[in-house]
């Protein structure tokens, strides 16, 4: 069956939420400009799964109108009643590299107690690439939430600020192998002599998956 703007619109306005999600998935087969115009009303859908799917789709079609995408995503980030939809907005902001949204991501991160939103913002900061994200990531790294620590390690690697190397050093002997594994990946991205020294230590890790990961970055 040929997918057209009309056929997708029919799905998006169906009474069946499963059809609406199908319509959102079919948007990618249309041009970005058409898809962007069709998806906007669905961002306020009554069904949380539909809103989540629509917000997530902006990651790929939002370039059609970056200014309006920013407005829509910030509205969702601040005002949607569901944490997972707000988290998806943070993901989409990072995917679109909307660096002007950094102050808003920082504000929401500092004001929310919801771990899922915090997690998504920490993950987003690495991909977003805003240099001021370093301070938030450092804060998360120094906290007591191991999930946020693991995510911050990866994000610091993506951010590429070599100041992170000294902050990452204490995690070489962390009891959680997943943290040590992420550490190897982050150091590999950061590079430099000091990172190589730490990777050399990790290449002798007692767990083979960590040791092998570290060895892939040794030069």
N, C-alpha and C. Protein backbone atom coordinates (compact mmCIF):
# COMPACT_ATOMS: atom_id res chain seq x y z
N UNK A 1 0.84 -1.20 0.00
CA UNK A 1 0.00 0.00 0.00
C UNK A 1 0.87 1.25 0.00
N UNK A 2 0.57 2.18 -0.89
CA UNK A 2 1.34 3.41 -0.98
C UNK A 2 1.06 4.31 0.22
N UNK A 3 2.12 4.83 0.79
CA UNK A 3 1.99 5.72 1.94
C UNK A 3 1.98 7.16 1.44
N UNK A 4 0.93 7.86 1.76
CA UNK A 4 0.76 9.24 1.34
C UNK A 4 0.46 10.12 2.57
N UNK A 5 0.59 11.43 2.43
CA UNK A 5 0.21 12.30 3.55
C UNK A 5 -1.22 12.07 4.01
N UNK A 6 -2.09 11.79 3.06
CA UNK A 6 -3.50 11.57 3.40
C UNK A 6 -3.68 10.27 4.19
N UNK A 7 -2.98 9.22 3.78
CA UNK A 7 -3.14 7.94 4.48
C UNK A 7 -2.55 8.01 5.88
N UNK A 8 -1.44 8.73 6.01
CA UNK A 8 -0.82 8.89 7.33
C UNK A 8 -1.71 9.75 8.23
N UNK A 9 -2.27 10.81 7.68
CA UNK A 9 -3.14 11.69 8.46
C UNK A 9 -4.36 10.93 8.96
N UNK A 10 -4.86 10.04 8.14
CA UNK A 10 -6.01 9.23 8.56
C UNK A 10 -5.66 8.37 9.77
N UNK A 11 -4.46 7.82 9.76
CA UNK A 11 -4.01 7.02 10.91
C UNK A 11 -3.81 7.89 12.14
N UNK A 12 -3.22 9.05 11.94
CA UNK A 12 -2.92 9.93 13.07
C UNK A 12 -4.17 10.42 13.80
N UNK A 13 -5.27 10.50 13.07
CA UNK A 13 -6.50 10.99 13.67
C UNK A 13 -7.50 9.87 13.95
N UNK A 14 -7.00 8.65 13.93
CA UNK A 14 -7.85 7.50 14.25
C UNK A 14 -8.20 7.49 15.74
N UNK A 15 -9.34 6.89 16.07
CA UNK A 15 -9.72 6.73 17.48
C UNK A 15 -8.89 5.65 18.16
N UNK A 16 -8.24 4.83 17.37
CA UNK A 16 -7.43 3.73 17.89
C UNK A 16 -5.99 4.22 18.10
N UNK A 17 -5.50 4.16 19.35
CA UNK A 17 -4.15 4.70 19.60
C UNK A 17 -3.08 3.90 18.89
N UNK A 18 -3.34 2.61 18.63
CA UNK A 18 -2.38 1.80 17.89
C UNK A 18 -2.22 2.30 16.46
N UNK A 19 -3.32 2.72 15.85
CA UNK A 19 -3.25 3.31 14.51
C UNK A 19 -2.46 4.61 14.53
N UNK A 20 -2.65 5.40 15.59
CA UNK A 20 -1.94 6.68 15.67
C UNK A 20 -0.43 6.45 15.79
N UNK A 21 -0.04 5.44 16.55
CA UNK A 21 1.38 5.11 16.65
C UNK A 21 1.91 4.62 15.30
N UNK A 22 1.11 3.82 14.61
CA UNK A 22 1.50 3.37 13.27
C UNK A 22 1.70 4.55 12.34
N UNK A 23 0.79 5.52 12.43
CA UNK A 23 0.92 6.71 11.60
C UNK A 23 2.19 7.49 11.90
N UNK A 24 2.53 7.58 13.18
CA UNK A 24 3.77 8.27 13.57
C UNK A 24 4.98 7.57 12.97
N UNK A 25 4.97 6.24 13.01
CA UNK A 25 6.09 5.48 12.45
C UNK A 25 6.19 5.63 10.93
N UNK A 26 5.06 5.86 10.28
CA UNK A 26 5.06 6.00 8.83
C UNK A 26 5.47 7.40 8.38
N UNK A 27 5.52 8.35 9.32
CA UNK A 27 5.91 9.71 8.97
C UNK A 27 7.30 9.76 8.35
N UNK A 28 8.18 8.86 8.80
CA UNK A 28 9.55 8.87 8.31
C UNK A 28 9.64 8.58 6.81
N UNK A 29 8.55 8.03 6.26
CA UNK A 29 8.53 7.71 4.83
C UNK A 29 8.05 8.88 3.99
N UNK A 30 7.67 9.96 4.66
CA UNK A 30 7.29 11.19 3.97
C UNK A 30 8.44 12.18 4.09
N UNK A 31 8.38 13.26 3.39
CA UNK A 31 9.41 14.29 3.52
C UNK A 31 9.35 14.93 4.89
N UNK A 32 10.49 15.43 5.36
CA UNK A 32 10.56 15.99 6.70
C UNK A 32 9.58 17.14 6.91
N UNK A 33 9.44 18.00 5.91
CA UNK A 33 8.55 19.16 6.06
C UNK A 33 7.10 18.72 6.24
N UNK A 34 6.67 17.75 5.44
CA UNK A 34 5.30 17.25 5.55
C UNK A 34 5.12 16.54 6.88
N UNK A 35 6.08 15.70 7.22
CA UNK A 35 6.00 14.94 8.48
C UNK A 35 5.92 15.88 9.68
N UNK A 36 6.71 16.95 9.63
CA UNK A 36 6.74 17.89 10.74
C UNK A 36 5.39 18.58 10.92
N UNK A 37 4.76 18.95 9.83
CA UNK A 37 3.46 19.61 9.94
C UNK A 37 2.38 18.67 10.46
N UNK A 38 2.49 17.39 10.11
CA UNK A 38 1.48 16.43 10.53
C UNK A 38 1.63 16.01 12.00
N UNK A 39 2.85 16.02 12.49
CA UNK A 39 3.08 15.47 13.82
C UNK A 39 2.73 16.44 14.95
N UNK A 40 2.71 17.71 14.65
CA UNK A 40 2.57 18.70 15.73
C UNK A 40 1.34 18.52 16.62
N UNK A 41 0.14 18.31 16.05
CA UNK A 41 -1.02 18.14 16.93
C UNK A 41 -0.93 16.89 17.81
N UNK A 42 -0.18 15.89 17.34
CA UNK A 42 -0.10 14.61 18.05
C UNK A 42 0.76 14.73 19.31
N UNK A 43 1.55 15.78 19.40
CA UNK A 43 2.39 15.97 20.59
C UNK A 43 1.55 16.22 21.84
N UNK A 44 0.27 16.56 21.65
CA UNK A 44 -0.63 16.79 22.77
C UNK A 44 -1.68 15.68 22.88
N UNK A 45 -1.42 14.55 22.25
CA UNK A 45 -2.38 13.45 22.29
C UNK A 45 -2.68 13.02 23.73
N UNK A 46 -3.89 12.55 23.95
CA UNK A 46 -4.28 12.14 25.31
C UNK A 46 -3.58 10.88 25.76
N UNK A 47 -3.08 10.08 24.81
CA UNK A 47 -2.44 8.81 25.15
C UNK A 47 -0.94 9.01 25.31
N UNK A 48 -0.40 8.59 26.45
CA UNK A 48 1.00 8.82 26.74
C UNK A 48 1.92 8.09 25.75
N UNK A 49 1.55 6.91 25.32
CA UNK A 49 2.38 6.17 24.37
C UNK A 49 2.45 6.89 23.02
N UNK A 50 1.35 7.49 22.64
CA UNK A 50 1.33 8.24 21.38
C UNK A 50 2.20 9.49 21.50
N UNK A 51 2.09 10.19 22.62
CA UNK A 51 2.92 11.39 22.82
C UNK A 51 4.40 11.02 22.84
N UNK A 52 4.72 9.93 23.51
CA UNK A 52 6.12 9.49 23.58
C UNK A 52 6.65 9.20 22.18
N UNK A 53 5.88 8.49 21.39
CA UNK A 53 6.31 8.15 20.03
C UNK A 53 6.47 9.40 19.17
N UNK A 54 5.56 10.35 19.34
CA UNK A 54 5.61 11.58 18.55
C UNK A 54 6.82 12.43 18.92
N UNK A 55 7.05 12.59 20.21
CA UNK A 55 8.21 13.38 20.66
C UNK A 55 9.51 12.74 20.19
N UNK A 56 9.59 11.43 20.30
CA UNK A 56 10.79 10.71 19.86
C UNK A 56 11.03 10.89 18.36
N UNK A 57 9.96 10.99 17.59
CA UNK A 57 10.08 11.14 16.14
C UNK A 57 10.66 12.49 15.74
N UNK A 58 10.51 13.49 16.61
CA UNK A 58 11.06 14.81 16.30
C UNK A 58 12.58 14.78 16.15
N UNK A 59 13.20 13.81 16.76
CA UNK A 59 14.65 13.64 16.64
C UNK A 59 15.06 13.55 15.17
N UNK A 60 14.23 12.89 14.35
CA UNK A 60 14.60 12.66 12.95
C UNK A 60 13.97 13.65 11.97
N UNK A 61 12.86 14.29 12.36
CA UNK A 61 12.19 15.19 11.41
C UNK A 61 12.23 16.65 11.85
N UNK A 62 12.74 16.92 13.05
CA UNK A 62 12.71 18.27 13.59
C UNK A 62 13.56 19.26 12.84
N UNK A 63 14.54 18.78 12.05
CA UNK A 63 15.38 19.69 11.27
C UNK A 63 14.58 20.48 10.24
N UNK A 64 13.37 20.03 9.96
CA UNK A 64 12.53 20.75 9.00
C UNK A 64 12.22 22.15 9.51
N UNK A 65 12.17 22.31 10.82
CA UNK A 65 11.96 23.64 11.42
C UNK A 65 12.55 23.60 12.82
N UNK A 66 13.83 23.92 12.91
CA UNK A 66 14.54 23.77 14.18
C UNK A 66 14.01 24.73 15.25
N UNK A 67 13.67 25.95 14.85
CA UNK A 67 13.18 26.92 15.82
C UNK A 67 11.87 26.46 16.44
N UNK A 68 10.96 25.99 15.60
CA UNK A 68 9.68 25.52 16.14
C UNK A 68 9.84 24.21 16.89
N UNK A 69 10.75 23.37 16.44
CA UNK A 69 11.03 22.12 17.16
C UNK A 69 11.51 22.42 18.57
N UNK A 70 12.36 23.41 18.69
CA UNK A 70 12.86 23.80 20.00
C UNK A 70 11.71 24.23 20.91
N UNK A 71 10.80 25.03 20.40
CA UNK A 71 9.65 25.48 21.20
C UNK A 71 8.79 24.29 21.63
N UNK A 72 8.53 23.39 20.70
CA UNK A 72 7.69 22.24 21.00
C UNK A 72 8.33 21.33 22.04
N UNK A 73 9.64 21.10 21.88
CA UNK A 73 10.34 20.19 22.79
C UNK A 73 10.49 20.80 24.18
N UNK A 74 10.72 22.09 24.25
CA UNK A 74 10.81 22.74 25.56
C UNK A 74 9.46 22.73 26.27
N UNK A 75 8.41 22.93 25.52
CA UNK A 75 7.07 22.87 26.11
C UNK A 75 6.83 21.48 26.70
N UNK A 76 7.23 20.45 25.98
CA UNK A 76 7.09 19.08 26.47
C UNK A 76 7.98 18.83 27.68
N UNK A 77 9.21 19.29 27.59
CA UNK A 77 10.19 19.09 28.68
C UNK A 77 9.68 19.67 29.99
N UNK A 78 9.05 20.81 29.92
CA UNK A 78 8.57 21.48 31.13
C UNK A 78 7.18 21.02 31.57
N UNK A 79 6.31 20.72 30.62
CA UNK A 79 4.88 20.65 30.95
C UNK A 79 4.19 19.30 30.79
N UNK A 80 4.80 18.35 30.09
CA UNK A 80 4.09 17.08 29.94
C UNK A 80 3.94 16.40 31.31
N UNK A 81 2.79 15.80 31.57
CA UNK A 81 2.57 15.19 32.89
C UNK A 81 3.31 13.87 33.11
N UNK A 82 3.87 13.29 32.05
CA UNK A 82 4.53 11.99 32.17
C UNK A 82 6.05 12.13 32.06
N UNK A 83 6.75 11.51 33.00
CA UNK A 83 8.21 11.62 33.04
C UNK A 83 8.87 11.05 31.79
N UNK A 84 8.36 9.94 31.27
CA UNK A 84 9.04 9.33 30.13
C UNK A 84 8.90 10.18 28.86
N UNK A 85 7.81 10.93 28.76
CA UNK A 85 7.64 11.82 27.61
C UNK A 85 8.59 13.02 27.75
N UNK A 86 8.71 13.54 28.96
CA UNK A 86 9.65 14.64 29.19
C UNK A 86 11.09 14.18 28.93
N UNK A 87 11.39 12.95 29.33
CA UNK A 87 12.72 12.39 29.08
C UNK A 87 12.97 12.26 27.58
N UNK A 88 11.95 11.86 26.83
CA UNK A 88 12.09 11.75 25.37
C UNK A 88 12.36 13.11 24.74
N UNK A 89 11.79 14.16 25.32
CA UNK A 89 12.05 15.51 24.81
C UNK A 89 13.52 15.87 24.99
N UNK A 90 14.10 15.51 26.13
CA UNK A 90 15.54 15.76 26.34
C UNK A 90 16.37 15.00 25.32
N UNK A 91 16.00 13.76 25.05
CA UNK A 91 16.71 12.96 24.05
C UNK A 91 16.66 13.61 22.68
N UNK A 92 15.47 14.10 22.29
CA UNK A 92 15.30 14.71 20.97
C UNK A 92 16.06 16.02 20.86
N UNK A 93 16.09 16.79 21.94
CA UNK A 93 16.87 18.03 21.95
C UNK A 93 18.35 17.73 21.67
N UNK A 94 18.86 16.69 22.29
CA UNK A 94 20.25 16.31 22.07
C UNK A 94 20.46 15.81 20.66
N UNK A 95 19.52 14.98 20.17
CA UNK A 95 19.64 14.43 18.83
C UNK A 95 19.68 15.51 17.75
N UNK A 96 18.94 16.59 17.99
CA UNK A 96 18.90 17.71 17.04
C UNK A 96 20.02 18.71 17.28
N UNK A 97 20.83 18.47 18.33
CA UNK A 97 21.94 19.37 18.68
C UNK A 97 21.44 20.80 18.91
N UNK A 98 20.34 20.93 19.64
CA UNK A 98 19.78 22.24 19.93
C UNK A 98 20.49 22.81 21.17
N UNK A 99 21.71 23.29 20.97
CA UNK A 99 22.53 23.72 22.10
C UNK A 99 21.92 24.90 22.85
N UNK A 100 21.07 25.67 22.18
CA UNK A 100 20.45 26.81 22.86
C UNK A 100 19.50 26.37 23.96
N UNK A 101 19.19 25.08 24.00
CA UNK A 101 18.31 24.54 25.04
C UNK A 101 19.07 24.14 26.29
N UNK A 102 20.39 24.32 26.28
CA UNK A 102 21.17 23.89 27.44
C UNK A 102 20.69 24.50 28.76
N UNK A 103 20.44 25.81 28.83
CA UNK A 103 19.98 26.38 30.11
C UNK A 103 18.70 25.73 30.62
N UNK A 104 17.83 25.33 29.71
CA UNK A 104 16.59 24.67 30.11
C UNK A 104 16.84 23.26 30.61
N UNK A 105 17.72 22.54 29.95
CA UNK A 105 18.06 21.20 30.41
C UNK A 105 18.69 21.27 31.81
N UNK A 106 19.56 22.25 32.00
CA UNK A 106 20.20 22.43 33.30
C UNK A 106 19.16 22.74 34.38
N UNK A 107 18.23 23.63 34.07
CA UNK A 107 17.20 24.03 35.03
C UNK A 107 16.33 22.85 35.43
N UNK A 108 15.88 22.09 34.42
CA UNK A 108 15.02 20.93 34.71
C UNK A 108 15.79 19.89 35.52
N UNK A 109 17.04 19.65 35.15
CA UNK A 109 17.86 18.67 35.87
C UNK A 109 17.98 19.04 37.34
N UNK A 110 18.20 20.31 37.61
CA UNK A 110 18.40 20.75 38.99
C UNK A 110 17.11 20.80 39.80
N UNK A 111 15.98 20.93 39.11
CA UNK A 111 14.72 21.09 39.83
C UNK A 111 13.92 19.80 39.99
N UNK A 112 14.22 18.80 39.18
CA UNK A 112 13.43 17.57 39.26
C UNK A 112 14.07 16.54 40.19
N UNK A 113 13.23 15.72 40.79
CA UNK A 113 13.70 14.59 41.58
C UNK A 113 13.45 13.27 40.86
N UNK A 114 12.95 13.36 39.64
CA UNK A 114 12.63 12.16 38.87
C UNK A 114 13.91 11.60 38.24
N UNK A 115 14.26 10.37 38.59
CA UNK A 115 15.52 9.79 38.14
C UNK A 115 15.54 9.60 36.62
N UNK A 116 14.38 9.30 36.02
CA UNK A 116 14.35 9.05 34.58
C UNK A 116 14.66 10.33 33.80
N UNK A 117 14.10 11.44 34.25
CA UNK A 117 14.37 12.71 33.59
C UNK A 117 15.83 13.10 33.79
N UNK A 118 16.34 12.92 35.00
CA UNK A 118 17.75 13.22 35.26
C UNK A 118 18.65 12.35 34.40
N UNK A 119 18.33 11.07 34.33
CA UNK A 119 19.11 10.13 33.52
C UNK A 119 19.16 10.58 32.06
N UNK A 120 18.00 10.94 31.50
CA UNK A 120 17.94 11.33 30.09
C UNK A 120 18.71 12.61 29.83
N UNK A 121 18.66 13.55 30.78
CA UNK A 121 19.39 14.80 30.59
C UNK A 121 20.89 14.56 30.67
N UNK A 122 21.33 13.74 31.61
CA UNK A 122 22.76 13.41 31.69
C UNK A 122 23.23 12.75 30.40
N UNK A 123 22.46 11.80 29.90
CA UNK A 123 22.82 11.14 28.64
C UNK A 123 22.83 12.13 27.48
N UNK A 124 21.88 13.06 27.51
CA UNK A 124 21.74 14.04 26.43
C UNK A 124 22.92 15.01 26.37
N UNK A 125 23.49 15.34 27.53
CA UNK A 125 24.53 16.37 27.57
C UNK A 125 25.78 15.97 26.78
N UNK A 126 26.08 14.70 26.76
CA UNK A 126 27.23 14.26 25.97
C UNK A 126 26.98 14.46 24.50
N UNK A 127 25.81 14.04 24.03
CA UNK A 127 25.47 14.16 22.61
C UNK A 127 25.27 15.62 22.22
N UNK A 128 24.72 16.42 23.12
CA UNK A 128 24.46 17.83 22.82
C UNK A 128 25.76 18.58 22.55
N UNK A 129 26.80 18.26 23.33
CA UNK A 129 28.12 18.85 23.07
C UNK A 129 28.31 20.26 23.58
N UNK A 130 27.44 20.72 24.47
CA UNK A 130 27.61 22.07 25.02
C UNK A 130 28.70 22.03 26.08
N UNK A 131 29.72 22.88 25.97
CA UNK A 131 30.85 22.80 26.91
C UNK A 131 30.47 23.00 28.38
N UNK A 132 29.39 23.76 28.64
CA UNK A 132 28.99 23.99 30.03
C UNK A 132 28.34 22.76 30.65
N UNK A 133 28.11 21.75 29.85
CA UNK A 133 27.58 20.50 30.38
C UNK A 133 28.56 19.79 31.30
N UNK A 134 29.83 20.15 31.19
CA UNK A 134 30.87 19.50 31.99
C UNK A 134 30.57 19.57 33.49
N UNK A 135 30.12 20.72 33.96
CA UNK A 135 29.88 20.89 35.40
C UNK A 135 28.75 19.99 35.90
N UNK A 136 27.70 19.87 35.11
CA UNK A 136 26.58 19.01 35.52
C UNK A 136 27.02 17.55 35.53
N UNK A 137 27.77 17.17 34.52
CA UNK A 137 28.25 15.78 34.44
C UNK A 137 29.20 15.48 35.59
N UNK A 138 30.02 16.45 35.96
CA UNK A 138 30.94 16.27 37.09
C UNK A 138 30.15 16.07 38.38
N UNK A 139 29.06 16.82 38.52
CA UNK A 139 28.21 16.71 39.70
C UNK A 139 27.57 15.32 39.77
N UNK A 140 27.08 14.84 38.64
CA UNK A 140 26.47 13.51 38.61
C UNK A 140 27.50 12.43 38.92
N UNK A 141 28.70 12.63 38.43
CA UNK A 141 29.78 11.67 38.65
C UNK A 141 30.13 11.57 40.14
N UNK A 142 30.00 12.69 40.85
CA UNK A 142 30.36 12.72 42.26
C UNK A 142 29.22 12.29 43.17
N UNK A 143 28.04 12.02 42.59
CA UNK A 143 26.89 11.63 43.39
C UNK A 143 26.93 10.18 43.79
N UNK A 144 25.82 9.71 44.38
CA UNK A 144 25.78 8.33 44.87
C UNK A 144 24.83 7.44 44.08
N UNK A 145 24.38 7.95 42.92
CA UNK A 145 23.51 7.16 42.06
C UNK A 145 24.37 6.49 40.99
N UNK A 146 24.52 5.17 41.08
CA UNK A 146 25.44 4.47 40.17
C UNK A 146 24.97 4.54 38.72
N UNK A 147 23.66 4.59 38.50
CA UNK A 147 23.15 4.67 37.14
C UNK A 147 23.53 6.02 36.52
N UNK A 148 23.36 7.10 37.29
CA UNK A 148 23.75 8.41 36.79
C UNK A 148 25.27 8.50 36.62
N UNK A 149 26.01 7.87 37.51
CA UNK A 149 27.48 7.86 37.38
C UNK A 149 27.90 7.18 36.08
N UNK A 150 27.31 6.02 35.82
CA UNK A 150 27.65 5.28 34.60
C UNK A 150 27.32 6.09 33.36
N UNK A 151 26.17 6.73 33.37
CA UNK A 151 25.75 7.54 32.23
C UNK A 151 26.64 8.77 32.08
N UNK A 152 27.02 9.38 33.21
CA UNK A 152 27.89 10.56 33.17
C UNK A 152 29.26 10.21 32.61
N UNK A 153 29.76 9.03 32.94
CA UNK A 153 31.06 8.60 32.40
C UNK A 153 31.01 8.56 30.88
N UNK A 154 29.96 7.95 30.33
CA UNK A 154 29.82 7.90 28.88
C UNK A 154 29.68 9.29 28.28
N UNK A 155 28.87 10.13 28.92
CA UNK A 155 28.64 11.49 28.41
C UNK A 155 29.91 12.32 28.43
N UNK A 156 30.73 12.16 29.45
CA UNK A 156 32.00 12.88 29.51
C UNK A 156 32.92 12.46 28.38
N UNK A 157 32.87 11.19 28.04
CA UNK A 157 33.66 10.73 26.90
C UNK A 157 33.20 11.38 25.61
N UNK A 158 31.88 11.47 25.43
CA UNK A 158 31.34 12.11 24.23
C UNK A 158 31.65 13.60 24.20
N UNK A 159 31.59 14.24 25.36
CA UNK A 159 31.81 15.68 25.43
C UNK A 159 33.23 16.05 25.01
N UNK A 160 34.19 15.19 25.34
CA UNK A 160 35.55 15.38 24.85
C UNK A 160 36.41 16.36 25.62
N UNK A 161 35.97 16.77 26.80
CA UNK A 161 36.75 17.70 27.61
C UNK A 161 37.76 16.90 28.44
N UNK A 162 39.05 17.10 28.19
CA UNK A 162 40.08 16.28 28.82
C UNK A 162 40.19 16.50 30.33
N UNK A 163 39.55 17.53 30.85
CA UNK A 163 39.53 17.70 32.30
C UNK A 163 38.84 16.51 32.97
N UNK A 164 38.04 15.78 32.20
CA UNK A 164 37.30 14.65 32.75
C UNK A 164 38.23 13.52 33.17
N UNK A 165 39.40 13.43 32.59
CA UNK A 165 40.28 12.29 32.86
C UNK A 165 40.61 12.17 34.35
N UNK A 166 40.94 13.29 34.97
CA UNK A 166 41.25 13.25 36.40
C UNK A 166 40.03 12.84 37.23
N UNK A 167 38.85 13.23 36.78
CA UNK A 167 37.63 12.87 37.50
C UNK A 167 37.30 11.39 37.34
N UNK A 168 37.71 10.82 36.22
CA UNK A 168 37.40 9.42 35.92
C UNK A 168 38.37 8.44 36.57
N UNK A 169 39.55 8.91 36.90
CA UNK A 169 40.60 8.04 37.44
C UNK A 169 40.14 7.19 38.63
N UNK A 170 39.38 7.73 39.61
CA UNK A 170 38.99 6.92 40.77
C UNK A 170 38.10 5.73 40.43
N UNK A 171 37.57 5.67 39.21
CA UNK A 171 36.65 4.59 38.87
C UNK A 171 37.35 3.36 38.29
N UNK A 172 38.67 3.42 38.20
CA UNK A 172 39.43 2.30 37.64
C UNK A 172 39.20 1.02 38.42
N UNK A 173 39.07 1.13 39.73
CA UNK A 173 38.90 -0.05 40.57
C UNK A 173 37.48 -0.18 41.10
N UNK A 174 36.54 0.46 40.44
CA UNK A 174 35.15 0.36 40.88
C UNK A 174 34.66 -1.09 40.83
N UNK A 175 33.87 -1.48 41.81
CA UNK A 175 33.42 -2.87 41.89
C UNK A 175 32.42 -3.23 40.79
N UNK A 176 31.81 -2.24 40.18
CA UNK A 176 30.83 -2.48 39.13
C UNK A 176 31.55 -2.58 37.78
N UNK A 177 31.53 -3.75 37.17
CA UNK A 177 32.27 -3.94 35.92
C UNK A 177 31.70 -3.08 34.80
N UNK A 178 30.39 -2.78 34.86
CA UNK A 178 29.80 -1.96 33.81
C UNK A 178 30.37 -0.54 33.85
N UNK A 179 30.64 -0.05 35.03
CA UNK A 179 31.28 1.26 35.15
C UNK A 179 32.69 1.22 34.58
N UNK A 180 33.43 0.15 34.89
CA UNK A 180 34.79 0.04 34.35
C UNK A 180 34.77 -0.09 32.83
N UNK A 181 33.78 -0.79 32.32
CA UNK A 181 33.64 -0.96 30.87
C UNK A 181 33.35 0.38 30.19
N UNK A 182 32.41 1.14 30.77
CA UNK A 182 32.10 2.48 30.24
C UNK A 182 33.31 3.40 30.37
N UNK A 183 34.06 3.22 31.44
CA UNK A 183 35.25 4.03 31.67
C UNK A 183 36.26 3.82 30.53
N UNK A 184 36.46 2.58 30.15
CA UNK A 184 37.38 2.29 29.05
C UNK A 184 36.92 2.98 27.76
N UNK A 185 35.65 2.92 27.49
CA UNK A 185 35.12 3.56 26.28
C UNK A 185 35.30 5.08 26.32
N UNK A 186 35.00 5.66 27.49
CA UNK A 186 35.12 7.11 27.62
C UNK A 186 36.57 7.56 27.46
N UNK A 187 37.50 6.85 28.09
CA UNK A 187 38.91 7.21 27.99
C UNK A 187 39.42 7.06 26.57
N UNK A 188 38.91 6.04 25.87
CA UNK A 188 39.30 5.85 24.48
C UNK A 188 38.90 7.04 23.62
N UNK A 189 37.74 7.62 23.91
CA UNK A 189 37.28 8.79 23.16
C UNK A 189 38.05 10.04 23.56
N UNK A 190 38.39 10.16 24.84
CA UNK A 190 39.10 11.36 25.31
C UNK A 190 40.53 11.40 24.80
N UNK A 191 41.20 10.26 24.81
CA UNK A 191 42.55 10.16 24.26
C UNK A 191 43.60 10.91 25.07
N UNK A 192 44.83 10.82 24.61
CA UNK A 192 45.95 11.48 25.27
C UNK A 192 46.77 10.52 26.12
N UNK A 193 47.93 10.96 26.54
CA UNK A 193 48.86 10.10 27.28
C UNK A 193 48.28 9.62 28.61
N UNK A 194 47.63 10.52 29.34
CA UNK A 194 47.10 10.14 30.64
C UNK A 194 45.99 9.11 30.50
N UNK A 195 45.15 9.29 29.50
CA UNK A 195 44.08 8.32 29.24
C UNK A 195 44.68 6.97 28.88
N UNK A 196 45.77 7.00 28.12
CA UNK A 196 46.43 5.75 27.73
C UNK A 196 46.99 5.02 28.95
N UNK A 197 47.50 5.77 29.92
CA UNK A 197 48.02 5.14 31.14
C UNK A 197 46.91 4.40 31.90
N UNK A 198 45.75 5.04 31.99
CA UNK A 198 44.63 4.42 32.70
C UNK A 198 44.10 3.22 31.91
N UNK A 199 44.07 3.36 30.60
CA UNK A 199 43.61 2.24 29.76
C UNK A 199 44.55 1.04 29.89
N UNK A 200 45.82 1.32 30.07
CA UNK A 200 46.78 0.23 30.26
C UNK A 200 46.44 -0.56 31.51
N UNK A 201 46.03 0.14 32.57
CA UNK A 201 45.62 -0.53 33.81
C UNK A 201 44.34 -1.34 33.57
N UNK A 202 43.42 -0.74 32.87
CA UNK A 202 42.15 -1.43 32.60
C UNK A 202 42.34 -2.64 31.69
N UNK A 203 43.39 -2.62 30.89
CA UNK A 203 43.64 -3.76 29.99
C UNK A 203 44.06 -5.01 30.78
N UNK A 204 44.36 -4.82 32.08
CA UNK A 204 44.71 -5.94 32.94
C UNK A 204 43.54 -6.28 33.89
N UNK A 205 42.38 -5.77 33.59
CA UNK A 205 41.22 -5.98 34.45
C UNK A 205 40.92 -7.47 34.59
N UNK A 206 40.41 -7.84 35.76
CA UNK A 206 40.11 -9.25 36.04
C UNK A 206 38.98 -9.78 35.17
N UNK A 207 38.15 -8.88 34.66
CA UNK A 207 37.04 -9.30 33.80
C UNK A 207 37.43 -9.09 32.35
N UNK A 208 37.36 -10.14 31.58
CA UNK A 208 37.86 -10.10 30.20
C UNK A 208 37.16 -9.06 29.34
N UNK A 209 35.86 -8.88 29.54
CA UNK A 209 35.12 -7.93 28.70
C UNK A 209 35.63 -6.51 28.90
N UNK A 210 36.05 -6.19 30.12
CA UNK A 210 36.61 -4.87 30.40
C UNK A 210 38.02 -4.77 29.82
N UNK A 211 38.82 -5.80 30.05
CA UNK A 211 40.20 -5.79 29.57
C UNK A 211 40.25 -5.67 28.05
N UNK A 212 39.41 -6.43 27.37
CA UNK A 212 39.41 -6.40 25.90
C UNK A 212 38.96 -5.04 25.38
N UNK A 213 37.98 -4.44 26.05
CA UNK A 213 37.50 -3.12 25.62
C UNK A 213 38.63 -2.09 25.75
N UNK A 214 39.34 -2.14 26.85
CA UNK A 214 40.46 -1.22 27.05
C UNK A 214 41.54 -1.40 26.00
N UNK A 215 41.82 -2.66 25.65
CA UNK A 215 42.88 -2.95 24.68
C UNK A 215 42.57 -2.38 23.30
N UNK A 216 41.28 -2.24 22.97
CA UNK A 216 40.92 -1.71 21.65
C UNK A 216 41.32 -0.26 21.47
N UNK A 217 41.56 0.43 22.60
CA UNK A 217 41.90 1.85 22.52
C UNK A 217 43.38 2.13 22.77
N UNK A 218 44.14 1.08 23.07
CA UNK A 218 45.57 1.27 23.31
C UNK A 218 46.31 1.49 21.99
N UNK A 219 47.26 2.40 22.03
CA UNK A 219 48.03 2.68 20.80
C UNK A 219 49.52 2.40 21.04
